[in-house]
Amino acid sequence: MDLVQLEIFKAVAEHGSISAAAQHIHRVPSNLTTRIKQLEENLGVELFIREKQRLRLSPAGWNLLDYARRILELVDEARMTVAGQEPRGPLALGSLESTAAVRIPALLAAYNQACPKVELALSTGSSGTMIDGVLGGQLAAAFVDGPVRHPALDGVAVFEEEMVVIAPLNHAPIHSGADVNGEPIYAFRSNCSYRHHFESWFAHAGAVPGRIFEMESYHGKLACVSAGAGLALMPRSMLESMPGCTTVSVWPLSEQFRYLNTWLVWRKGAVPPSLASFIELLQQAG
């Protein structure tokens, strides 16, 4: 087993086919096929389940993929350290939409200035989607709702968010979920940690929300609530950053539910220099 075989295996695993992987790493498909067969013979296991034009990782393949990523990342780190190079190359980060909009723009600008050779990319989504991206290797790290307890992840708490319920201006006072039992709410998709938090707040008071309307943005939620069509939960920092924030009434949650921590998480043992520099800058800013 050599580094070239691991690089080819990783490319095929992540792209799901020989042809797509060959195009990505600029090799001919026949070379990839031969290398994969050699690797499987060397290890004595099948790494892929062949299905027509697609390849699915076998259980052994999933195990090897984690090691391959870590080995290749360590090799890149060693090369840069020995050569005395500053951080460079791609760094894919994920974030909650509210964190990306309010908490980290200045941090990303400072990082771009400090590490100009790093190709920084940012994607947003729910905590569940972001964690899946980190575990799957598509993201180097992500800002998510914490704490995150997963055996394959490391992380650190970086921001505290005050969560508030927003309602139409003429709404009666809201002190618990019992005050709004059965009322419609606006929320992100089902794998959103903030949605789970909102539903738990209702359940703690023995209440349930009415119809749940799934929205794709905080601006959409604010507009609907302002129009008198229901309730929504969001970080106060996000609410106060948006035009129209004064068109709704704002109700803090009880102490048990009021504050949530945002964490930055990454795979254990997978901290290339570019990510290490980002973490260091984040801690300095805090």
Protein backbone atom coordinates (compact mmCIF):
# COMPACT_ATOMS: atom_id res chain seq x y z
CA MET A 1 0.00 0.00 0.00
CA ASP A 2 1.51 3.33 -1.08
CA LEU A 3 0.46 6.97 -1.13
CA VAL A 4 -0.56 6.90 -4.79
CA GLN A 5 -2.92 4.00 -4.12
CA LEU A 6 -4.41 5.86 -1.16
CA GLU A 7 -4.89 9.03 -3.21
CA ILE A 8 -6.62 7.05 -5.97
CA PHE A 9 -8.76 5.12 -3.47
CA LYS A 10 -9.82 8.37 -1.77
CA ALA A 11 -10.74 9.97 -5.10
CA VAL A 12 -12.84 6.99 -6.20
CA ALA A 13 -14.54 6.75 -2.79
CA GLU A 14 -15.47 10.43 -2.79
CA HIS A 15 -16.65 10.58 -6.41
CA GLY A 16 -18.42 7.24 -6.56
CA SER A 17 -17.06 6.14 -9.93
CA ILE A 18 -13.78 5.42 -11.70
CA SER A 19 -14.48 7.86 -14.54
CA ALA A 20 -15.36 10.81 -12.28
CA ALA A 21 -12.33 10.18 -10.07
CA ALA A 22 -10.03 9.87 -13.09
CA GLN A 23 -11.20 13.21 -14.41
CA HIS A 24 -10.69 14.83 -11.00
CA ILE A 25 -7.11 13.63 -10.49
CA HIS A 26 -6.16 13.75 -14.19
CA ARG A 27 -5.42 10.05 -14.73
CA VAL A 28 -6.76 7.50 -17.19
CA PRO A 29 -9.56 5.28 -15.86
CA SER A 30 -7.70 2.04 -16.62
CA ASN A 31 -4.88 3.14 -14.32
CA LEU A 32 -7.30 3.75 -11.47
CA THR A 33 -8.98 0.37 -11.99
CA THR A 34 -5.63 -1.42 -11.86
CA ARG A 35 -4.48 0.46 -8.77
CA ILE A 36 -7.71 -0.24 -6.88
CA LYS A 37 -7.51 -3.97 -7.70
CA GLN A 38 -3.87 -4.03 -6.53
CA LEU A 39 -4.83 -2.34 -3.27
CA GLU A 40 -7.68 -4.80 -2.65
CA GLU A 41 -5.38 -7.74 -3.36
CA ASN A 42 -2.74 -6.31 -1.05
CA LEU A 43 -5.24 -5.89 1.80
CA GLY A 44 -7.16 -9.09 1.08
CA VAL A 45 -10.57 -7.38 1.16
CA GLU A 46 -13.03 -5.82 -1.26
CA LEU A 47 -13.11 -2.06 -0.74
CA PHE A 48 -16.05 -1.39 -3.04
CA ILE A 49 -19.40 -2.92 -3.85
CA ARG A 50 -19.79 -2.81 -7.64
CA GLU A 51 -23.24 -1.72 -8.85
CA LYS A 52 -23.44 -1.17 -12.63
CA GLN A 53 -21.70 2.18 -13.25
CA ARG A 54 -21.44 3.10 -9.55
CA LEU A 55 -19.12 2.01 -6.77
CA ARG A 56 -20.26 1.90 -3.15
CA LEU A 57 -17.82 1.60 -0.28
CA SER A 58 -17.89 -1.71 1.55
CA PRO A 59 -17.60 -1.72 5.37
CA ALA A 60 -13.85 -2.30 4.98
CA GLY A 61 -13.73 0.56 2.48
CA TRP A 62 -15.36 2.97 4.93
CA ASN A 63 -12.76 2.05 7.55
CA LEU A 64 -9.88 2.57 5.13
CA LEU A 65 -11.27 5.90 3.89
CA ASP A 66 -10.94 7.45 7.33
CA TYR A 67 -7.33 6.28 7.61
CA ALA A 68 -6.53 7.37 4.05
CA ARG A 69 -7.76 10.89 4.68
CA ARG A 70 -5.78 11.19 7.90
CA ILE A 71 -2.61 9.75 6.33
CA LEU A 72 -2.77 12.05 3.30
CA GLU A 73 -3.50 15.09 5.46
CA LEU A 74 -0.50 14.26 7.67
CA VAL A 75 1.70 13.87 4.61
CA ASP A 76 0.64 17.29 3.32
CA GLU A 77 1.21 18.79 6.75
CA ALA A 78 4.67 17.22 6.97
CA ARG A 79 5.63 18.54 3.54
CA MET A 80 4.63 22.09 4.42
CA THR A 81 6.28 21.95 7.85
CA VAL A 82 9.59 20.62 6.52
CA ALA A 83 9.57 23.13 3.68
CA GLY A 84 8.78 25.95 6.09
CA GLN A 85 5.77 26.94 4.04
CA GLU A 86 2.89 29.10 5.23
CA PRO A 87 -0.59 27.52 5.16
CA ARG A 88 -1.90 27.01 1.64
CA GLY A 89 -4.42 25.05 -0.38
CA PRO A 90 -8.20 24.64 0.01
CA LEU A 91 -9.97 25.03 3.35
CA ALA A 92 -13.69 24.20 3.23
CA LEU A 93 -15.67 25.47 6.22
CA GLY A 94 -19.33 25.07 7.09
CA SER A 95 -21.53 27.25 9.26
CA LEU A 96 -24.99 27.88 10.59
CA GLU A 97 -26.58 30.67 8.57
CA SER A 98 -26.86 32.98 11.59
CA THR A 99 -23.21 32.46 12.53
CA ALA A 100 -22.09 33.14 8.97
CA ALA A 101 -24.16 36.31 8.79
CA VAL A 102 -23.36 37.85 12.17
CA ARG A 103 -20.44 36.25 13.97
CA ILE A 104 -17.68 35.42 11.52
CA PRO A 105 -17.47 37.91 8.61
CA ALA A 106 -14.68 39.91 10.31
CA LEU A 107 -12.91 36.68 11.27
CA LEU A 108 -12.95 35.41 7.67
CA ALA A 109 -11.62 38.74 6.40
CA ALA A 110 -8.79 38.66 8.95
CA TYR A 111 -7.97 35.07 8.01
CA ASN A 112 -7.83 35.90 4.31
CA GLN A 113 -5.31 38.65 5.11
CA ALA A 114 -3.23 36.44 7.40
CA CYS A 115 -3.23 33.37 5.11
CA PRO A 116 -3.56 34.65 1.53
CA LYS A 117 -2.43 31.33 0.01
CA VAL A 118 -5.35 29.44 1.54
CA GLU A 119 -8.39 29.00 -0.75
CA LEU A 120 -11.15 29.54 1.78
CA ALA A 121 -14.67 28.30 0.95
CA LEU A 122 -17.76 28.65 3.14
CA SER A 123 -21.07 26.81 2.92
CA THR A 124 -24.10 27.20 5.21
CA GLY A 125 -26.77 24.85 6.43
CA SER A 126 -28.24 23.15 9.48
CA SER A 127 -26.08 21.65 12.21
CA GLY A 128 -26.91 18.13 11.05
CA THR A 129 -25.89 18.86 7.47
CA MET A 130 -22.67 20.56 8.57
CA ILE A 131 -21.68 17.71 10.91
CA ASP A 132 -22.30 15.19 8.12
CA GLY A 133 -20.02 17.29 5.90
CA VAL A 134 -17.22 17.22 8.47
CA LEU A 135 -17.57 13.48 9.08
CA GLY A 136 -17.69 12.82 5.35
CA GLY A 137 -14.56 14.85 4.66
CA GLN A 138 -16.26 17.47 2.49
CA LEU A 139 -15.66 20.10 5.20
CA ALA A 140 -12.51 20.61 7.24
CA ALA A 141 -14.50 22.17 10.09
CA ALA A 142 -17.91 23.70 10.79
CA PHE A 143 -19.69 26.05 13.16
CA VAL A 144 -22.64 24.15 14.63
CA ASP A 145 -24.99 24.21 17.59
CA GLY A 146 -23.27 22.47 20.50
CA PRO A 147 -22.16 20.79 22.53
CA VAL A 148 -21.24 18.09 20.01
CA ARG A 149 -20.47 14.67 21.49
CA HIS A 150 -19.28 12.39 18.71
CA PRO A 151 -16.34 9.97 19.04
CA ALA A 152 -14.88 11.05 15.69
CA LEU A 153 -15.02 14.80 16.34
CA ASP A 154 -13.09 17.37 18.34
CA GLY A 155 -14.37 20.87 18.94
CA VAL A 156 -14.48 23.99 21.04
CA ALA A 157 -17.26 26.36 22.14
CA VAL A 158 -16.80 29.75 20.47
CA PHE A 159 -20.01 31.81 20.72
CA GLU A 160 -22.99 32.04 23.07
CA GLU A 161 -26.35 32.83 21.48
CA GLU A 162 -29.44 34.13 23.23
CA MET A 163 -32.49 32.51 21.66
CA VAL A 164 -35.76 34.45 21.40
CA VAL A 165 -39.28 33.77 20.16
CA ILE A 166 -40.60 36.36 17.74
CA ALA A 167 -44.32 36.96 17.37
CA PRO A 168 -46.62 39.56 15.77
CA LEU A 169 -46.55 42.95 17.49
CA ASN A 170 -50.04 42.59 18.96
CA HIS A 171 -49.42 39.08 20.37
CA ALA A 172 -50.21 38.38 24.01
CA PRO A 173 -47.21 37.93 26.36
CA ILE A 174 -45.25 34.70 25.87
CA HIS A 175 -43.61 33.17 28.93
CA SER A 176 -43.71 29.46 28.05
CA GLY A 177 -44.86 27.08 25.38
CA ALA A 178 -48.22 26.83 27.11
CA ASP A 179 -48.94 30.43 26.08
CA VAL A 180 -48.71 29.51 22.39
CA ASN A 181 -49.96 25.94 22.38
CA GLY A 182 -51.13 24.98 18.89
CA GLU A 183 -49.89 28.12 17.16
CA PRO A 184 -48.12 27.75 13.79
CA ILE A 185 -44.35 28.16 13.68
CA TYR A 186 -41.73 28.81 11.02
CA ALA A 187 -38.57 26.68 11.17
CA PHE A 188 -35.80 25.20 9.12
CA ARG A 189 -35.82 21.55 8.05
CA SER A 190 -36.12 18.66 10.50
CA ASN A 191 -32.34 18.21 10.97
CA CYS A 192 -31.99 21.77 12.31
CA SER A 193 -30.88 21.85 15.96
CA TYR A 194 -32.69 25.17 16.55
CA ARG A 195 -35.95 23.58 15.39
CA HIS A 196 -35.41 20.71 17.85
CA HIS A 197 -34.73 23.27 20.58
CA PHE A 198 -37.96 25.13 19.77
CA GLU A 199 -39.98 21.90 19.86
CA SER A 200 -38.36 20.94 23.18
CA TRP A 201 -39.37 24.33 24.61
CA PHE A 202 -42.99 23.59 23.68
CA ALA A 203 -42.80 20.04 25.06
CA HIS A 204 -41.34 21.22 28.40
CA ALA A 205 -44.60 23.12 29.00
CA GLY A 206 -46.76 20.20 27.88
CA ALA A 207 -47.58 22.04 24.67
CA VAL A 208 -47.10 21.39 20.96
CA PRO A 209 -46.72 23.74 18.01
CA GLY A 210 -49.43 23.86 15.39
CA ARG A 211 -48.52 23.54 11.75
CA ILE A 212 -44.76 23.78 11.08
CA PHE A 213 -43.90 25.74 7.96
CA GLU A 214 -40.40 25.01 6.69
CA MET A 215 -38.48 28.07 5.55
CA GLU A 216 -35.04 28.47 3.99
CA SER A 217 -34.00 31.81 5.51
CA TYR A 218 -34.31 33.97 8.60
CA HIS A 219 -35.52 36.85 6.44
CA GLY A 220 -38.42 34.72 5.25
CA LYS A 221 -39.32 33.79 8.82
CA LEU A 222 -39.23 37.43 9.93
CA ALA A 223 -41.45 38.51 7.05
CA CYS A 224 -44.07 35.85 7.81
CA VAL A 225 -44.12 36.56 11.54
CA SER A 226 -44.32 40.31 10.90
CA ALA A 227 -47.36 39.66 8.71
CA GLY A 228 -49.07 37.96 11.64
CA ALA A 229 -48.83 34.41 10.35
CA GLY A 230 -47.12 32.62 13.25
CA LEU A 231 -44.05 32.39 15.47
CA ALA A 232 -40.35 31.70 14.96
CA LEU A 233 -37.23 31.07 17.03
CA MET A 234 -33.91 32.72 16.23
CA PRO A 235 -30.74 34.07 17.86
CA ARG A 236 -31.19 37.64 19.10
CA SER A 237 -27.95 38.62 17.34
CA MET A 238 -29.40 37.47 14.00
CA LEU A 239 -32.72 39.23 14.59
CA GLU A 240 -31.07 42.54 15.46
CA SER A 241 -28.94 42.42 12.31
CA MET A 242 -31.98 42.35 9.99
CA PRO A 243 -34.04 45.25 8.64
CA GLY A 244 -37.55 44.95 9.98
CA CYS A 245 -36.52 43.59 13.38
CA THR A 246 -38.78 46.16 15.07
CA THR A 247 -41.89 44.89 13.25
CA VAL A 248 -42.26 41.92 15.62
CA SER A 249 -42.49 41.40 19.37
CA VAL A 250 -39.55 39.62 21.01
CA TRP A 251 -39.85 37.17 23.90
CA PRO A 252 -36.81 35.61 25.66
CA LEU A 253 -37.04 31.95 26.58
CA SER A 254 -36.89 30.72 30.17
CA GLU A 255 -33.36 30.31 31.58
CA GLN A 256 -33.30 26.57 30.85
CA PHE A 257 -33.72 27.20 27.12
CA ARG A 258 -32.47 30.76 26.72
CA TYR A 259 -28.82 30.24 25.73
CA LEU A 260 -27.13 27.94 23.21
CA ASN A 261 -23.44 27.60 22.43
CA THR A 262 -22.05 27.56 18.91
CA TRP A 263 -19.08 25.20 18.49
CA LEU A 264 -16.41 24.82 15.87
CA VAL A 265 -15.94 21.09 15.21
CA TRP A 266 -13.45 19.09 13.13
CA ARG A 267 -12.44 15.46 12.70
CA LYS A 268 -10.08 14.08 15.33
CA GLY A 269 -6.51 14.02 14.10
CA ALA A 270 -7.39 16.06 11.00
CA VAL A 271 -6.01 19.54 11.63
CA PRO A 272 -3.90 20.69 8.66
CA PRO A 273 -1.89 23.92 9.05
CA SER A 274 -4.60 25.95 7.32
CA LEU A 275 -7.20 24.84 9.88
CA ALA A 276 -4.77 25.18 12.80
CA SER A 277 -4.16 28.80 11.80
CA PHE A 278 -7.91 29.41 11.58
CA ILE A 279 -8.51 27.94 15.05
CA GLU A 280 -5.67 30.03 16.49
CA LEU A 281 -7.07 33.21 14.97
CA LEU A 282 -10.56 32.35 16.27
CA GLN A 283 -9.25 31.84 19.80
CA GLN A 284 -7.32 35.10 19.67
CA ALA A 285 -10.44 36.97 18.57
CA GLY A 286 -12.40 35.47 21.46
